[in-house]
Amino acid sequence: MKTSGKDKEFFTIAQVADILGLSKETLRRWEASGKLIPERDEGNNYRLYSREQIEAFEPAQQLFSSNWGEELQTTPHKSYSSVELFAGAGGLALGFEEAGFNTVLLNELDKHACATLKKNRPEWKVAEGDISKIDFTHLRDEIDVLSGGFPCQAFSYAGKKAGFEDARGTLFFEFARAVKEINPKIIVAENVRGLLKHDDGKTLETIKSIIDEIGYDILGCRVLKAVFYKVPQKRERLIIVAVRKDLSQDLDFQWPSPFHRILTMKDALKEGELYSSDVPPSEGQKYPAYKQDVLSMVPPGGYWRDLPVDVQRDYMKGSFHLGGGKTGMARRLSWDEPSLTLTCAPAQKQTERCHPEETRPLTVREYARIQTFPDSWEFAGPLTAKYKQIGNAVPVNLAAAVGRSVVRLLNQIESADELPIAVGQ
């Protein structure tokens, strides 16, 4: 964010692209067509957009009128309990803990992720292993929220509407079975944005119909962009929030408000608003010599198209002649922008995430900071397993924001339960 001498707020093209959820190329086209024309910084000719210009767009309106500060004060009216399935390295559970939940049980198949959970929270009960082998009936009517990010699988049943029993063999069936056995007040399911279009949308429709069949009303189904929730990363997660039908009357569920600004790589790795110190040193992968030489030529925020043409051809091989931007290849991050979505491996050719300044992949601790894990959260297993756990995680601050929305929903349910019954009813 920049300010002129007249105290007028200005935003760079990168900031506006993040706020509006557009590409910089789209904004340049809008400038050429006259739809949104920026001013030019006299010193370096950078495009600068005034706050008044971008306030015409809904994402900017939400950002500038955010209730984040008030929502941060959310507290549970009583102790609320949670169970999480497919828990991974604990991003969602840690965020829900921050929101005020008491974690009763977590299930995870991956042994390294389980070791991470046990290492950081010895008091958490971690059920390691295949979810289909776990009986949840001992928790029936004892749990407020059941959450989890089940892996996405297609429901291929030719010509018929798939119901709960038809979904056997899928991991969503196991998620739904746990819901039936536990009977929680609320369920929170999270997944990748791709679920929206998976199997032409049939997968999501089947999931919604099964949620209805097992006795829950969906109050919200939305893709949340982590960059709006105090996460310095362009990551998106599909979140579904549903409440048990006997509790669903007269409830007002509200998605979390956005944080007051978009955080960047500088916020992630340097002392500031997000962390009280610079990122501590940690282990990390290395580039082979050839890739090191190539990426050393890429400027901050740049990618393979910023290389000399002969280097582009050699590095990209057959992909050089194919369509599409392939913007993840030979990609160097920028201090002044959020990170691209982290993957399970920072040095893969299709999804490189090179440090903004040094020519190397991001370290484990840098990866964790971009996912807003605290520096105290340690990851177990070999280096590749650590990257995988972090890359698959729900960003902690996004999880906390969703958790506070769920706490407010439970507070409504709790308040309704405490209302006196009128005489004569």
Protein backbone atom coordinates (compact mmCIF):
# COMPACT_ATOMS: atom_id res chain seq x y z
CA MET A 1 0.00 0.00 0.00
CA LYS A 2 1.36 3.42 -0.91
CA THR A 3 0.31 6.93 0.07
CA SER A 4 0.70 10.16 -1.86
CA GLY A 5 1.51 13.52 -0.37
CA LYS A 6 -2.21 14.18 -0.09
CA ASP A 7 -2.66 11.14 2.19
CA LYS A 8 -4.53 9.33 -0.55
CA GLU A 9 -4.20 5.55 -0.40
CA PHE A 10 -2.74 3.80 -3.43
CA PHE A 11 -2.20 0.14 -4.24
CA THR A 12 0.24 -1.50 -6.64
CA ILE A 13 -0.94 -3.68 -9.51
CA ALA A 14 0.18 -6.80 -7.60
CA GLN A 15 -1.85 -5.76 -4.54
CA VAL A 16 -4.94 -4.98 -6.61
CA ALA A 17 -4.65 -8.31 -8.42
CA ASP A 18 -4.62 -10.12 -5.06
CA ILE A 19 -7.46 -8.06 -3.59
CA LEU A 20 -9.74 -8.51 -6.61
CA GLY A 21 -8.68 -12.09 -7.34
CA LEU A 22 -7.51 -11.20 -10.85
CA SER A 23 -4.28 -11.62 -12.78
CA LYS A 24 -2.00 -8.69 -13.47
CA GLU A 25 -2.51 -9.42 -17.15
CA THR A 26 -6.28 -8.87 -16.73
CA LEU A 27 -5.67 -5.52 -15.02
CA ARG A 28 -3.39 -4.47 -17.88
CA ARG A 29 -6.15 -5.38 -20.36
CA TRP A 30 -8.64 -3.38 -18.29
CA GLU A 31 -6.27 -0.42 -18.47
CA ALA A 32 -5.99 -0.74 -22.25
CA SER A 33 -9.79 -0.91 -22.62
CA GLY A 34 -10.38 2.00 -20.23
CA LYS A 35 -12.23 -0.11 -17.63
CA LEU A 36 -9.79 0.61 -14.78
CA ILE A 37 -7.02 3.13 -15.45
CA PRO A 38 -4.28 3.50 -12.82
CA GLU A 39 -2.18 6.53 -12.13
CA ARG A 40 1.57 6.38 -12.72
CA ASP A 41 4.15 6.85 -9.97
CA GLU A 42 6.27 9.81 -11.10
CA GLY A 43 9.45 8.25 -9.72
CA ASN A 44 9.42 4.87 -11.45
CA ASN A 45 6.27 4.81 -13.63
CA TYR A 46 4.67 2.02 -11.56
CA ARG A 47 0.91 1.56 -11.90
CA LEU A 48 -0.87 2.82 -8.78
CA TYR A 49 -4.59 2.38 -8.10
CA SER A 50 -6.41 4.58 -5.62
CA ARG A 51 -8.58 3.13 -2.91
CA GLU A 52 -11.56 4.97 -4.39
CA GLN A 53 -11.03 3.19 -7.71
CA ILE A 54 -11.03 -0.33 -6.34
CA GLU A 55 -13.77 0.24 -3.76
CA ALA A 56 -16.25 -0.21 -6.62
CA PHE A 57 -15.47 -3.96 -6.47
CA GLU A 58 -17.06 -6.23 -3.85
CA PRO A 59 -13.82 -7.96 -2.67
CA ALA A 60 -12.31 -4.57 -1.93
CA GLN A 61 -15.47 -3.43 -0.12
CA GLN A 62 -15.29 -6.51 2.11
CA LEU A 63 -11.62 -5.89 2.85
CA PHE A 64 -12.08 -2.23 3.74
CA SER A 65 -15.18 -2.80 5.92
CA SER A 66 -13.92 -5.91 7.69
CA ASN A 67 -15.07 -7.02 11.15
CA TRP A 68 -11.89 -9.08 11.67
CA GLY A 69 -10.96 -7.25 14.87
CA GLU A 70 -14.36 -7.80 16.46
CA GLU A 71 -14.50 -11.43 15.33
CA LEU A 72 -11.06 -12.02 16.83
CA GLN A 73 -12.68 -11.46 20.24
CA THR A 74 -15.01 -14.46 19.73
CA THR A 75 -15.01 -16.79 22.74
CA PRO A 76 -16.96 -20.02 23.35
CA HIS A 77 -19.91 -19.75 25.72
CA LYS A 78 -18.77 -23.10 27.11
CA SER A 79 -16.12 -25.70 26.33
CA TYR A 80 -16.73 -26.99 22.79
CA SER A 81 -15.30 -30.32 21.69
CA SER A 82 -14.04 -31.38 18.27
CA VAL A 83 -13.03 -34.51 16.38
CA GLU A 84 -10.97 -34.26 13.21
CA LEU A 85 -10.59 -36.87 10.47
CA PHE A 86 -7.77 -36.92 7.88
CA ALA A 87 -5.96 -34.56 10.24
CA GLY A 88 -2.59 -34.35 8.47
CA ALA A 89 0.04 -32.29 10.28
CA GLY A 90 -2.52 -30.38 12.31
CA GLY A 91 -3.18 -27.12 10.45
CA LEU A 92 -6.96 -27.32 10.82
CA ALA A 93 -6.79 -28.70 14.37
CA LEU A 94 -4.34 -26.02 15.48
CA GLY A 95 -6.56 -23.29 14.02
CA PHE A 96 -9.62 -24.74 15.75
CA GLU A 97 -7.68 -24.94 19.01
CA GLU A 98 -6.83 -21.25 18.62
CA ALA A 99 -10.54 -20.54 18.09
CA GLY A 100 -11.29 -22.22 21.43
CA PHE A 101 -12.05 -25.88 20.65
CA ASN A 102 -11.01 -28.81 22.83
CA THR A 103 -9.65 -31.52 20.53
CA VAL A 104 -10.94 -34.93 21.65
CA LEU A 105 -9.71 -37.18 18.83
CA LEU A 106 -7.78 -36.96 15.57
CA ASN A 107 -7.50 -39.65 12.92
CA GLU A 108 -4.71 -39.79 10.34
CA LEU A 109 -3.24 -42.58 8.23
CA ASP A 110 0.23 -41.13 7.52
CA LYS A 111 2.70 -42.20 10.21
CA HIS A 112 4.88 -39.09 9.90
CA ALA A 113 1.91 -36.73 10.25
CA CYS A 114 0.76 -38.72 13.31
CA ALA A 115 4.24 -38.37 14.80
CA THR A 116 4.02 -34.61 14.21
CA LEU A 117 0.67 -34.40 16.01
CA LYS A 118 1.91 -36.47 18.98
CA LYS A 119 5.17 -34.53 19.19
CA ASN A 120 3.50 -31.13 19.41
CA ARG A 121 0.37 -32.02 21.38
CA PRO A 122 1.06 -35.07 23.58
CA GLU A 123 -2.34 -34.51 25.23
CA TRP A 124 -4.24 -35.01 21.96
CA LYS A 125 -5.56 -38.51 21.35
CA VAL A 126 -4.33 -39.53 17.89
CA ALA A 127 -5.94 -42.58 16.28
CA GLU A 128 -3.33 -43.64 13.73
CA GLY A 129 -4.43 -45.86 10.87
CA ASP A 130 -7.14 -46.66 8.34
CA ILE A 131 -10.33 -44.76 9.15
CA SER A 132 -12.48 -47.68 7.98
CA LYS A 133 -11.15 -49.70 10.93
CA ILE A 134 -12.13 -47.12 13.57
CA ASP A 135 -15.35 -47.26 15.59
CA PHE A 136 -16.61 -43.83 16.67
CA THR A 137 -19.79 -44.89 18.49
CA HIS A 138 -18.28 -44.29 21.95
CA LEU A 139 -18.34 -40.55 21.15
CA ARG A 140 -22.02 -40.42 20.22
CA ASP A 141 -23.75 -37.19 21.30
CA GLU A 142 -20.55 -36.04 23.04
CA ILE A 143 -18.98 -33.93 20.28
CA ASP A 144 -19.86 -30.43 19.09
CA VAL A 145 -17.95 -30.38 15.78
CA LEU A 146 -16.63 -33.07 13.47
CA SER A 147 -14.23 -31.74 10.85
CA GLY A 148 -11.93 -33.06 8.18
CA GLY A 149 -10.56 -32.83 4.69
CA PHE A 150 -11.44 -36.13 3.05
CA PRO A 151 -9.53 -36.92 -0.18
CA CYS A 152 -11.52 -36.26 -3.33
CA GLN A 153 -12.85 -39.38 -5.08
CA ALA A 154 -15.45 -39.78 -7.81
CA PHE A 155 -18.81 -41.46 -7.20
CA SER A 156 -19.37 -43.34 -10.44
CA TYR A 157 -22.81 -44.91 -10.35
CA ALA A 158 -24.32 -44.98 -13.81
CA GLY A 159 -27.81 -43.57 -14.00
CA LYS A 160 -28.73 -43.50 -10.33
CA LYS A 161 -28.54 -41.00 -7.54
CA ALA A 162 -25.83 -42.12 -5.13
CA GLY A 163 -26.81 -42.19 -1.47
CA PHE A 164 -24.93 -42.96 1.72
CA GLU A 165 -24.84 -46.74 1.30
CA ASP A 166 -23.91 -46.42 -2.38
CA ALA A 167 -20.82 -44.39 -1.44
CA ARG A 168 -19.13 -47.36 0.24
CA GLY A 169 -15.50 -47.69 -0.70
CA THR A 170 -14.92 -43.93 -0.81
CA LEU A 171 -13.30 -41.93 1.94
CA PHE A 172 -16.27 -39.58 2.03
CA PHE A 173 -18.38 -42.60 3.01
CA GLU A 174 -16.08 -43.05 6.02
CA PHE A 175 -16.43 -39.34 6.86
CA ALA A 176 -20.24 -39.67 6.66
CA ARG A 177 -20.16 -42.91 8.70
CA ALA A 178 -18.24 -41.10 11.45
CA VAL A 179 -20.87 -38.34 11.38
CA LYS A 180 -23.66 -40.92 11.76
CA GLU A 181 -21.89 -42.67 14.64
CA ILE A 182 -20.86 -39.48 16.51
CA ASN A 183 -23.95 -37.36 15.77
CA PRO A 184 -22.12 -34.02 16.24
CA LYS A 185 -23.96 -30.70 16.27
CA ILE A 186 -21.92 -29.33 13.34
CA ILE A 187 -19.78 -30.78 10.57
CA VAL A 188 -17.04 -28.87 8.76
CA ALA A 189 -15.70 -30.47 5.59
CA GLU A 190 -12.82 -28.95 3.66
CA ASN A 191 -11.38 -29.84 0.28
CA VAL A 192 -9.60 -28.46 -2.74
CA ARG A 193 -11.33 -25.99 -5.05
CA GLY A 194 -11.24 -28.66 -7.76
CA LEU A 195 -14.05 -30.52 -5.98
CA LEU A 196 -16.46 -27.96 -7.46
CA LYS A 197 -15.86 -29.33 -10.97
CA HIS A 198 -14.82 -32.88 -10.09
CA ASP A 199 -16.69 -35.35 -12.32
CA ASP A 200 -18.61 -32.41 -13.84
CA GLY A 201 -19.87 -31.36 -10.41
CA LYS A 202 -21.48 -34.74 -9.69
CA THR A 203 -19.09 -35.52 -6.83
CA LEU A 204 -20.04 -32.39 -4.88
CA GLU A 205 -23.75 -32.90 -5.55
CA THR A 206 -23.48 -36.46 -4.22
CA ILE A 207 -21.66 -35.20 -1.13
CA LYS A 208 -24.38 -32.60 -0.52
CA SER A 209 -27.16 -35.17 -0.96
CA ILE A 210 -25.50 -37.56 1.50
CA ILE A 211 -25.05 -34.77 4.06
CA ASP A 212 -28.79 -34.12 3.74
CA GLU A 213 -29.59 -37.85 3.95
CA ILE A 214 -27.68 -38.34 7.21
CA GLY A 215 -29.57 -35.49 8.87
CA TYR A 216 -27.73 -32.22 8.29
CA ASP A 217 -28.60 -28.89 6.68
CA ILE A 218 -25.79 -27.16 4.80
CA LEU A 219 -25.48 -23.56 6.00
CA GLY A 220 -22.55 -22.66 3.77
CA CYS A 221 -20.50 -24.05 0.90
CA ARG A 222 -17.84 -21.65 -0.31
CA VAL A 223 -14.31 -21.42 -1.66
CA LEU A 224 -12.29 -19.31 0.77
CA LYS A 225 -9.11 -17.60 -0.41
CA ALA A 226 -6.51 -17.91 2.34
CA VAL A 227 -4.89 -14.64 1.31
CA PHE A 228 -7.91 -12.80 2.81
CA TYR A 229 -7.49 -14.46 6.23
CA LYS A 230 -4.04 -13.36 7.40
CA VAL A 231 -2.23 -15.98 5.30
CA PRO A 232 0.59 -14.83 2.96
CA GLN A 233 -0.34 -17.37 0.29
CA LYS A 234 -2.65 -17.60 -2.72
CA ARG A 235 -4.27 -20.82 -1.54
CA GLU A 236 -7.95 -21.74 -1.87
CA ARG A 237 -10.00 -24.26 0.09
CA LEU A 238 -13.60 -25.33 -0.35
CA ILE A 239 -15.36 -25.28 3.03
CA ILE A 240 -18.74 -26.87 3.77
CA VAL A 241 -20.47 -26.09 7.08
CA ALA A 242 -23.57 -28.08 8.04
CA VAL A 243 -25.66 -28.28 11.20
CA ARG A 244 -27.81 -31.11 12.54
CA LYS A 245 -31.39 -30.64 11.38
CA ASP A 246 -32.90 -30.63 14.87
CA LEU A 247 -30.71 -27.58 15.66
CA SER A 248 -30.84 -25.73 12.35
CA GLN A 249 -33.83 -23.42 12.89
CA ASP A 250 -33.24 -19.66 13.10
CA LEU A 251 -29.45 -19.87 12.91
CA ASP A 252 -27.44 -17.11 11.24
CA PHE A 253 -24.13 -18.50 10.00
CA GLN A 254 -21.63 -15.88 8.88
CA TRP A 255 -18.40 -16.60 7.03
CA PRO A 256 -15.35 -14.94 8.59
CA SER A 257 -14.51 -11.36 7.65
CA PRO A 258 -11.23 -10.75 5.83
CA PHE A 259 -8.10 -9.45 7.53
CA HIS A 260 -7.48 -5.74 6.95
CA ARG A 261 -4.74 -6.27 4.34
CA ILE A 262 -3.07 -8.79 2.06
CA LEU A 263 0.09 -10.26 3.60
CA THR A 264 3.24 -10.90 1.55
CA MET A 265 6.38 -13.03 1.58
CA LYS A 266 8.03 -10.27 3.59
CA ASP A 267 5.36 -10.71 6.27
CA ALA A 268 5.95 -14.47 6.24
CA LEU A 269 9.73 -14.48 6.54
CA LYS A 270 10.59 -11.20 8.25
CA GLU A 271 9.80 -9.72 11.65
CA GLY A 272 6.54 -7.77 11.53
CA GLU A 273 2.79 -8.05 11.93
CA LEU A 274 2.63 -11.81 11.42
CA TYR A 275 5.74 -13.00 13.27
CA SER A 276 7.79 -11.36 16.02
CA SER A 277 11.15 -12.37 14.49
CA ASP A 278 12.77 -13.27 11.19
CA VAL A 279 12.30 -16.87 10.10
CA PRO A 280 14.70 -19.19 11.96
CA PRO A 281 17.14 -21.33 9.95
CA SER A 282 16.05 -24.85 9.05
CA GLU A 283 16.76 -27.69 6.66
CA GLY A 284 15.72 -27.52 3.03
CA GLN A 285 16.16 -29.03 -0.40
CA LYS A 286 18.85 -27.86 -2.82
CA TYR A 287 18.82 -27.24 -6.56
CA PRO A 288 21.14 -29.20 -8.85
CA ALA A 289 23.82 -27.01 -10.46
CA TYR A 290 22.00 -26.55 -13.79
CA LYS A 291 18.73 -25.46 -12.19
CA GLN A 292 20.67 -23.18 -9.83
CA ASP A 293 22.24 -21.45 -12.84
CA VAL A 294 18.87 -21.05 -14.60
CA LEU A 295 16.96 -19.73 -11.59
CA SER A 296 19.74 -17.29 -10.76
CA MET A 297 18.66 -15.39 -13.90
CA VAL A 298 14.99 -15.09 -12.84
CA PRO A 299 14.03 -11.77 -11.18
CA PRO A 300 11.79 -11.59 -8.07
CA GLY A 301 8.22 -12.40 -9.10
CA GLY A 302 9.44 -13.73 -12.44
CA TYR A 303 9.31 -17.11 -14.15
CA TRP A 304 10.62 -18.93 -17.22
CA ARG A 305 9.47 -16.25 -19.68
CA ASP A 306 11.89 -13.81 -18.02
CA LEU A 307 14.85 -15.97 -19.09
CA PRO A 308 16.83 -15.42 -22.29
CA VAL A 309 15.06 -17.19 -25.17
CA ASP A 310 17.83 -19.76 -25.70
CA VAL A 311 17.71 -20.66 -21.98
CA GLN A 312 13.90 -20.86 -22.15
CA ARG A 313 14.09 -23.37 -24.99
CA ASP A 314 16.67 -25.53 -23.26
CA TYR A 315 14.95 -25.47 -19.86
CA MET A 316 11.36 -25.92 -21.02
CA LYS A 317 12.13 -28.58 -23.65
CA GLY A 318 8.92 -29.62 -25.45
CA SER A 319 6.78 -27.44 -23.16
CA PHE A 320 8.29 -24.34 -24.77
CA HIS A 321 6.04 -24.82 -27.82
CA LEU A 322 2.85 -25.72 -25.93
CA GLY A 323 0.06 -23.31 -25.03
CA GLY A 324 -0.65 -22.01 -21.53
CA GLY A 325 1.39 -19.86 -19.19
CA LYS A 326 3.03 -22.61 -17.10
CA THR A 327 3.72 -19.81 -14.61
CA GLY A 328 4.92 -22.20 -11.91
CA MET A 329 8.00 -23.21 -13.90
CA ALA A 330 11.29 -21.51 -13.00
CA ARG A 331 9.26 -19.33 -10.64
CA ARG A 332 10.88 -17.00 -8.13
CA LEU A 333 8.64 -15.54 -5.44
CA SER A 334 8.54 -11.83 -4.62
CA TRP A 335 8.95 -10.15 -1.24
CA ASP A 336 6.06 -7.80 -2.06
CA GLU A 337 3.49 -10.45 -3.02
CA PRO A 338 1.94 -13.47 -1.30
CA SER A 339 3.43 -16.87 -2.08
CA LEU A 340 1.84 -18.99 -4.76
CA THR A 341 0.04 -22.05 -3.39
CA LEU A 342 2.58 -24.32 -1.75
CA THR A 343 2.85 -27.84 -3.10
CA CYS A 344 4.26 -31.00 -1.54
CA ALA A 345 7.69 -30.38 -3.08
CA PRO A 346 9.25 -26.90 -3.52
CA ALA A 347 11.76 -27.90 -6.19
CA GLN A 348 9.57 -29.76 -8.70
CA LYS A 349 9.91 -28.34 -12.19
CA GLN A 350 6.17 -27.67 -12.67
CA THR A 351 5.69 -25.94 -9.30
CA GLU A 352 8.98 -24.34 -8.30
CA ARG A 353 8.93 -21.96 -5.37
CA CYS A 354 12.31 -20.22 -5.36
CA HIS A 355 13.23 -17.89 -2.50
CA PRO A 356 12.69 -14.19 -3.40
CA GLU A 357 16.35 -13.28 -2.95
CA GLU A 358 18.49 -16.39 -2.61
CA THR A 359 18.60 -18.95 -5.41
CA ARG A 360 17.29 -21.99 -3.53
CA PRO A 361 14.00 -23.71 -2.69
CA LEU A 362 12.13 -22.55 0.39
CA THR A 363 13.21 -24.26 3.61
CA VAL A 364 10.90 -26.29 5.86
CA ARG A 365 10.47 -23.41 8.31
CA GLU A 366 9.78 -20.95 5.48
CA TYR A 367 7.18 -23.37 4.12
CA ALA A 368 5.59 -23.61 7.57
CA ARG A 369 5.47 -19.84 8.01
CA ILE A 370 3.71 -19.39 4.68
CA GLN A 371 1.09 -21.83 6.04
CA THR A 372 1.05 -19.73 9.28
CA PHE A 373 2.24 -22.53 11.57
CA PRO A 374 3.95 -21.17 14.69
CA ASP A 375 7.73 -21.58 14.79
CA SER A 376 7.29 -23.88 17.79
CA TRP A 377 5.38 -26.45 15.67
CA GLU A 378 7.88 -29.18 14.75
CA PHE A 379 7.45 -31.62 11.88
CA ALA A 380 8.43 -35.29 12.13
CA GLY A 381 9.90 -37.58 9.49
CA PRO A 382 12.38 -37.22 6.62
CA LEU A 383 12.69 -33.96 4.70
CA THR A 384 10.32 -35.00 1.89
CA ALA A 385 7.68 -36.01 4.47
CA LYS A 386 7.95 -32.63 6.19
CA TYR A 387 7.38 -30.74 2.94
CA LYS A 388 4.45 -33.02 2.11
CA GLN A 389 2.80 -32.48 5.50
CA ILE A 390 3.12 -28.71 5.26
CA GLY A 391 2.11 -28.55 1.61
CA ASN A 392 -1.08 -30.53 2.28
CA ALA A 393 -2.09 -28.56 5.38
CA VAL A 394 -4.93 -26.11 5.86
CA PRO A 395 -3.31 -22.74 6.72
CA VAL A 396 -3.59 -22.29 10.47
CA ASN A 397 -4.90 -18.71 10.34
CA LEU A 398 -7.57 -19.65 7.78
CA ALA A 399 -8.62 -22.56 10.02
CA ALA A 400 -8.78 -20.25 13.04
CA ALA A 401 -10.98 -17.76 11.18
CA VAL A 402 -13.39 -20.54 10.14
CA GLY A 403 -13.22 -21.94 13.67
CA ARG A 404 -14.33 -18.62 15.15
CA SER A 405 -17.31 -18.56 12.76
CA VAL A 406 -18.23 -22.06 13.95
CA VAL A 407 -17.84 -21.00 17.59
CA ARG A 408 -20.29 -18.14 16.98
CA LEU A 409 -22.71 -20.66 15.47
CA LEU A 410 -22.41 -22.95 18.48
CA ASN A 411 -22.90 -19.96 20.77
CA GLN A 412 -26.22 -19.32 18.99
CA ILE A 413 -27.25 -22.95 19.50
CA GLU A 414 -26.21 -22.78 23.14
CA SER A 415 -28.14 -19.55 23.70
CA ALA A 416 -31.26 -21.03 22.06
CA ASP A 417 -31.04 -24.06 24.36
CA GLU A 418 -30.98 -21.74 27.37
CA LEU A 419 -34.10 -19.75 26.38
CA PRO A 420 -37.01 -20.34 28.80
CA ILE A 421 -40.08 -22.10 27.37
CA ALA A 422 -43.10 -19.76 27.31
CA VAL A 423 -46.06 -20.67 29.54
CA GLY A 424 -48.70 -22.61 27.61
CA GLN A 425 -46.26 -24.10 25.08
